[in-house]
Amino acid sequence: MTIQFELNGRLVEANAAPGTTLLEYLRDEEVHSVKHGCDHGECGACTVLMDNKSVNACLILMYTVNGRKIETLESFSTHKELHPLQKDFLHEGAAQCGFCTPGMILSLEALDREDGATDEATIRDALNGNLCRCTGYVKPVKAALATLQQSSRTGGDA
């Protein structure tokens, strides 16, 4: 089946067999920020943004992305400039092994786009679907607070 959708700002026409997940498609296309973790929507390693909402790509069948907007971490920076969340993750040392980091950053970006909440409880709730064994979530939350508080003060993207 042929599916058309926007991937990281460009129109894509993909041929996918029935039952193919968005995760499988993205990995076949060498989109490396989307990780293969649990295959059950439990770990958040495959998080992408679909129409600005955080979703687990392992649970999304390709036919459902027809006409949608999909963003991965690859869309967040140029070779010259990092996204503000990426900068704060680096500054706070929040990216330990890095396996969960793309999913965390995308989940936090979805939160910022949704309502821009800046309190710790809301940030922790947004990270709820992203499992991490390295960080203990303290540094990612601190990085998110720095970015999202700056974003709310400037009225949009930090």
C-alpha atoms as a PDB file:
ATOM      1  CA  MET A   1       0.000   0.000   0.000  1.00  0.00           C
ATOM      2  CA  THR A   2       1.166   3.535  -0.764  1.00  0.00           C
ATOM      3  CA  ILE A   3       1.105   6.127   1.996  1.00  0.00           C
ATOM      4  CA  GLN A   4       1.847   9.838   1.708  1.00  0.00           C
ATOM      5  CA  PHE A   5       2.851  11.853   4.757  1.00  0.00           C
ATOM      6  CA  GLU A   6       5.185  14.580   5.909  1.00  0.00           C
ATOM      7  CA  LEU A   7       8.382  13.361   7.565  1.00  0.00           C
ATOM      8  CA  ASN A   8      10.613  15.971   9.146  1.00  0.00           C
ATOM      9  CA  GLY A   9       9.319  18.692   6.863  1.00  0.00           C
ATOM     10  CA  ARG A  10       9.377  16.839   3.559  1.00  0.00           C
ATOM     11  CA  LEU A  11       6.620  14.995   1.723  1.00  0.00           C
ATOM     12  CA  VAL A  12       7.205  11.237   1.618  1.00  0.00           C
ATOM     13  CA  GLU A  13       5.516   8.578  -0.453  1.00  0.00           C
ATOM     14  CA  ALA A  14       6.103   5.201   1.127  1.00  0.00           C
ATOM     15  CA  ASN A  15       5.201   1.697   0.120  1.00  0.00           C
ATOM     16  CA  ALA A  16       4.479  -0.442   3.144  1.00  0.00           C
ATOM     17  CA  ALA A  17       3.156  -3.936   3.564  1.00  0.00           C
ATOM     18  CA  PRO A  18       0.032  -4.297   5.697  1.00  0.00           C
ATOM     19  CA  GLY A  19       1.038  -4.603   9.338  1.00  0.00           C
ATOM     20  CA  THR A  20       4.212  -2.539   8.965  1.00  0.00           C
ATOM     21  CA  THR A  21       4.716  -0.204  11.898  1.00  0.00           C
ATOM     22  CA  LEU A  22       6.008   3.326  11.720  1.00  0.00           C
ATOM     23  CA  LEU A  23       8.993   2.176  13.797  1.00  0.00           C
ATOM     24  CA  GLU A  24       9.884  -0.488  11.237  1.00  0.00           C
ATOM     25  CA  TYR A  25       9.548   1.985   8.389  1.00  0.00           C
ATOM     26  CA  LEU A  26      11.665   4.667  10.084  1.00  0.00           C
ATOM     27  CA  ARG A  27      14.425   2.212  11.020  1.00  0.00           C
ATOM     28  CA  ASP A  28      14.464   0.882   7.428  1.00  0.00           C
ATOM     29  CA  GLU A  29      14.873   4.501   6.299  1.00  0.00           C
ATOM     30  CA  GLU A  30      17.840   4.854   8.699  1.00  0.00           C
ATOM     31  CA  VAL A  31      16.155   7.333  11.027  1.00  0.00           C
ATOM     32  CA  HIS A  32      18.470   6.554  13.914  1.00  0.00           C
ATOM     33  CA  SER A  33      16.903   8.623  16.710  1.00  0.00           C
ATOM     34  CA  VAL A  34      13.891   6.300  16.771  1.00  0.00           C
ATOM     35  CA  LYS A  35      15.024   3.297  18.779  1.00  0.00           C
ATOM     36  CA  HIS A  36      13.689  -0.243  18.842  1.00  0.00           C
ATOM     37  CA  GLY A  37      12.934  -0.934  22.496  1.00  0.00           C
ATOM     38  CA  CYS A  38      10.033  -2.973  23.806  1.00  0.00           C
ATOM     39  CA  ASP A  39       7.650  -3.243  20.803  1.00  0.00           C
ATOM     40  CA  HIS A  40       4.732  -2.782  23.227  1.00  0.00           C
ATOM     41  CA  GLY A  41       4.543   0.991  23.762  1.00  0.00           C
ATOM     42  CA  GLU A  42       6.012   0.715  27.247  1.00  0.00           C
ATOM     43  CA  CYS A  43       9.516   2.207  27.022  1.00  0.00           C
ATOM     44  CA  GLY A  44       9.252   5.357  24.878  1.00  0.00           C
ATOM     45  CA  ALA A  45      12.448   4.630  22.933  1.00  0.00           C
ATOM     46  CA  CYS A  46      10.508   4.869  19.658  1.00  0.00           C
ATOM     47  CA  THR A  47       8.747   8.144  20.473  1.00  0.00           C
ATOM     48  CA  VAL A  48       7.939  10.435  17.549  1.00  0.00           C
ATOM     49  CA  LEU A  49       5.652  13.423  17.143  1.00  0.00           C
ATOM     50  CA  MET A  50       2.560  12.795  15.065  1.00  0.00           C
ATOM     51  CA  ASP A  51       0.678  16.030  14.394  1.00  0.00           C
ATOM     52  CA  ASN A  52       2.515  17.560  17.393  1.00  0.00           C
ATOM     53  CA  LYS A  53       1.511  14.761  19.800  1.00  0.00           C
ATOM     54  CA  SER A  54       3.949  12.307  21.350  1.00  0.00           C
ATOM     55  CA  VAL A  55       3.274   8.720  20.172  1.00  0.00           C
ATOM     56  CA  ASN A  56       5.057   5.382  20.250  1.00  0.00           C
ATOM     57  CA  ALA A  57       6.031   4.480  16.682  1.00  0.00           C
ATOM     58  CA  CYS A  58       5.994   0.767  17.540  1.00  0.00           C
ATOM     59  CA  LEU A  59       2.212   0.983  18.029  1.00  0.00           C
ATOM     60  CA  ILE A  60       1.432   3.022  14.905  1.00  0.00           C
ATOM     61  CA  LEU A  61       0.619   1.112  11.730  1.00  0.00           C
ATOM     62  CA  MET A  62       1.869   2.795   8.582  1.00  0.00           C
ATOM     63  CA  TYR A  63      -1.555   3.112   6.974  1.00  0.00           C
ATOM     64  CA  THR A  64      -2.616   5.425   9.829  1.00  0.00           C
ATOM     65  CA  VAL A  65       0.086   8.010   9.039  1.00  0.00           C
ATOM     66  CA  ASN A  66      -1.394   8.780   5.616  1.00  0.00           C
ATOM     67  CA  GLY A  67      -1.737  12.583   5.399  1.00  0.00           C
ATOM     68  CA  ARG A  68      -0.151  13.128   8.821  1.00  0.00           C
ATOM     69  CA  LYS A  69       2.880  15.084   9.974  1.00  0.00           C
ATOM     70  CA  ILE A  70       5.614  12.948  11.583  1.00  0.00           C
ATOM     71  CA  GLU A  71       8.634  14.458  13.314  1.00  0.00           C
ATOM     72  CA  THR A  72      11.678  12.718  14.718  1.00  0.00           C
ATOM     73  CA  LEU A  73      14.603  14.202  16.589  1.00  0.00           C
ATOM     74  CA  GLU A  74      16.396  14.619  13.256  1.00  0.00           C
ATOM     75  CA  SER A  75      14.080  17.543  12.487  1.00  0.00           C
ATOM     76  CA  PHE A  76      15.050  19.456  15.629  1.00  0.00           C
ATOM     77  CA  SER A  77      18.426  20.835  14.756  1.00  0.00           C
ATOM     78  CA  THR A  78      20.551  21.914  11.898  1.00  0.00           C
ATOM     79  CA  HIS A  79      24.236  21.201  11.708  1.00  0.00           C
ATOM     80  CA  LYS A  80      24.771  24.722  13.023  1.00  0.00           C
ATOM     81  CA  GLU A  81      22.291  24.944  15.898  1.00  0.00           C
ATOM     82  CA  LEU A  82      20.828  22.546  18.457  1.00  0.00           C
ATOM     83  CA  HIS A  83      17.226  22.728  19.623  1.00  0.00           C
ATOM     84  CA  PRO A  84      16.909  24.428  23.056  1.00  0.00           C
ATOM     85  CA  LEU A  85      15.957  21.118  24.724  1.00  0.00           C
ATOM     86  CA  GLN A  86      19.049  19.473  23.232  1.00  0.00           C
ATOM     87  CA  LYS A  87      21.212  22.321  24.502  1.00  0.00           C
ATOM     88  CA  ASP A  88      19.808  22.072  28.030  1.00  0.00           C
ATOM     89  CA  PHE A  89      20.111  18.275  28.042  1.00  0.00           C
ATOM     90  CA  LEU A  90      23.797  18.699  27.192  1.00  0.00           C
ATOM     91  CA  HIS A  91      24.282  21.515  29.703  1.00  0.00           C
ATOM     92  CA  GLU A  92      22.671  19.518  32.539  1.00  0.00           C
ATOM     93  CA  GLY A  93      24.351  16.221  31.635  1.00  0.00           C
ATOM     94  CA  ALA A  94      20.902  14.686  31.140  1.00  0.00           C
ATOM     95  CA  ALA A  95      21.905  12.465  28.213  1.00  0.00           C
ATOM     96  CA  GLN A  96      23.619   9.539  29.868  1.00  0.00           C
ATOM     97  CA  CYS A  97      23.804   6.559  27.487  1.00  0.00           C
ATOM     98  CA  GLY A  98      21.487   8.409  25.087  1.00  0.00           C
ATOM     99  CA  PHE A  99      19.120   5.552  24.252  1.00  0.00           C
ATOM    100  CA  CYS A 100      16.066   7.210  25.824  1.00  0.00           C
ATOM    101  CA  THR A 101      17.094  10.826  25.190  1.00  0.00           C
ATOM    102  CA  PRO A 102      15.398  11.312  21.777  1.00  0.00           C
ATOM    103  CA  GLY A 103      12.094  10.050  23.161  1.00  0.00           C
ATOM    104  CA  MET A 104      12.378  12.260  26.215  1.00  0.00           C
ATOM    105  CA  ILE A 105      13.120  15.351  24.150  1.00  0.00           C
ATOM    106  CA  LEU A 106      10.203  14.655  21.803  1.00  0.00           C
ATOM    107  CA  SER A 107       7.819  14.047  24.724  1.00  0.00           C
ATOM    108  CA  LEU A 108       8.907  17.336  26.283  1.00  0.00           C
ATOM    109  CA  GLU A 109       8.526  19.185  22.985  1.00  0.00           C
ATOM    110  CA  ALA A 110       4.979  17.805  22.680  1.00  0.00           C
ATOM    111  CA  LEU A 111       4.270  19.129  26.175  1.00  0.00           C
ATOM    112  CA  ASP A 112       5.636  22.541  25.249  1.00  0.00           C
ATOM    113  CA  ARG A 113       3.551  22.676  22.078  1.00  0.00           C
ATOM    114  CA  GLU A 114       0.449  21.523  23.924  1.00  0.00           C
ATOM    115  CA  ASP A 115       0.383  23.911  26.851  1.00  0.00           C
ATOM    116  CA  GLY A 116       3.899  24.975  27.734  1.00  0.00           C
ATOM    117  CA  ALA A 117       3.513  23.860  31.352  1.00  0.00           C
ATOM    118  CA  THR A 118       6.641  24.528  33.359  1.00  0.00           C
ATOM    119  CA  ASP A 119       6.062  22.853  36.704  1.00  0.00           C
ATOM    120  CA  GLU A 120       8.020  19.774  37.724  1.00  0.00           C
ATOM    121  CA  ALA A 121       4.974  17.543  38.230  1.00  0.00           C
ATOM    122  CA  THR A 122       3.699  18.181  34.694  1.00  0.00           C
ATOM    123  CA  ILE A 123       7.149  17.590  33.230  1.00  0.00           C
ATOM    124  CA  ARG A 124       7.500  14.316  35.131  1.00  0.00           C
ATOM    125  CA  ASP A 125       4.068  13.276  33.898  1.00  0.00           C
ATOM    126  CA  ALA A 126       5.104  14.031  30.294  1.00  0.00           C
ATOM    127  CA  LEU A 127       8.179  11.812  30.772  1.00  0.00           C
ATOM    128  CA  ASN A 128       6.099   9.024  32.314  1.00  0.00           C
ATOM    129  CA  GLY A 129       6.192   6.896  29.148  1.00  0.00           C
ATOM    130  CA  ASN A 130       9.977   7.174  28.714  1.00  0.00           C
ATOM    131  CA  LEU A 131      11.914   4.564  30.636  1.00  0.00           C
ATOM    132  CA  CYS A 132      15.493   5.360  31.584  1.00  0.00           C
ATOM    133  CA  ARG A 133      17.960   3.281  33.574  1.00  0.00           C
ATOM    134  CA  CYS A 134      20.777   5.822  33.679  1.00  0.00           C
ATOM    135  CA  THR A 135      19.541   9.245  34.706  1.00  0.00           C
ATOM    136  CA  GLY A 136      17.086   8.810  37.548  1.00  0.00           C
ATOM    137  CA  TYR A 137      15.135  11.577  35.726  1.00  0.00           C
ATOM    138  CA  VAL A 138      16.588  14.372  37.903  1.00  0.00           C
ATOM    139  CA  LYS A 139      18.792  15.879  35.205  1.00  0.00           C
ATOM    140  CA  PRO A 140      16.236  15.511  32.357  1.00  0.00           C
ATOM    141  CA  VAL A 141      13.627  17.242  34.517  1.00  0.00           C
ATOM    142  CA  LYS A 142      16.101  20.007  35.380  1.00  0.00           C
ATOM    143  CA  ALA A 143      16.949  20.463  31.685  1.00  0.00           C
ATOM    144  CA  ALA A 144      13.255  20.537  30.768  1.00  0.00           C
ATOM    145  CA  LEU A 145      12.498  23.101  33.446  1.00  0.00           C
ATOM    146  CA  ALA A 146      15.240  25.364  32.101  1.00  0.00           C
ATOM    147  CA  THR A 147      14.003  25.116  28.512  1.00  0.00           C
ATOM    148  CA  LEU A 148      10.282  25.218  29.125  1.00  0.00           C
ATOM    149  CA  GLN A 149      10.455  28.070  31.610  1.00  0.00           C
ATOM    150  CA  GLN A 150      12.472  30.080  29.077  1.00  0.00           C
ATOM    151  CA  SER A 151       9.961  29.144  26.352  1.00  0.00           C
ATOM    152  CA  SER A 152       7.013  30.297  28.471  1.00  0.00           C
ATOM    153  CA  ARG A 153       8.756  33.615  29.196  1.00  0.00           C
ATOM    154  CA  THR A 154       9.403  34.258  25.501  1.00  0.00           C
ATOM    155  CA  GLY A 155       5.938  33.139  24.431  1.00  0.00           C
ATOM    156  CA  GLY A 156       6.978  30.225  22.236  1.00  0.00           C
ATOM    157  CA  ASP A 157      10.071  28.426  21.105  1.00  0.00           C
ATOM    158  CA  ALA A 158      13.023  29.046  23.393  1.00  0.00           C
END
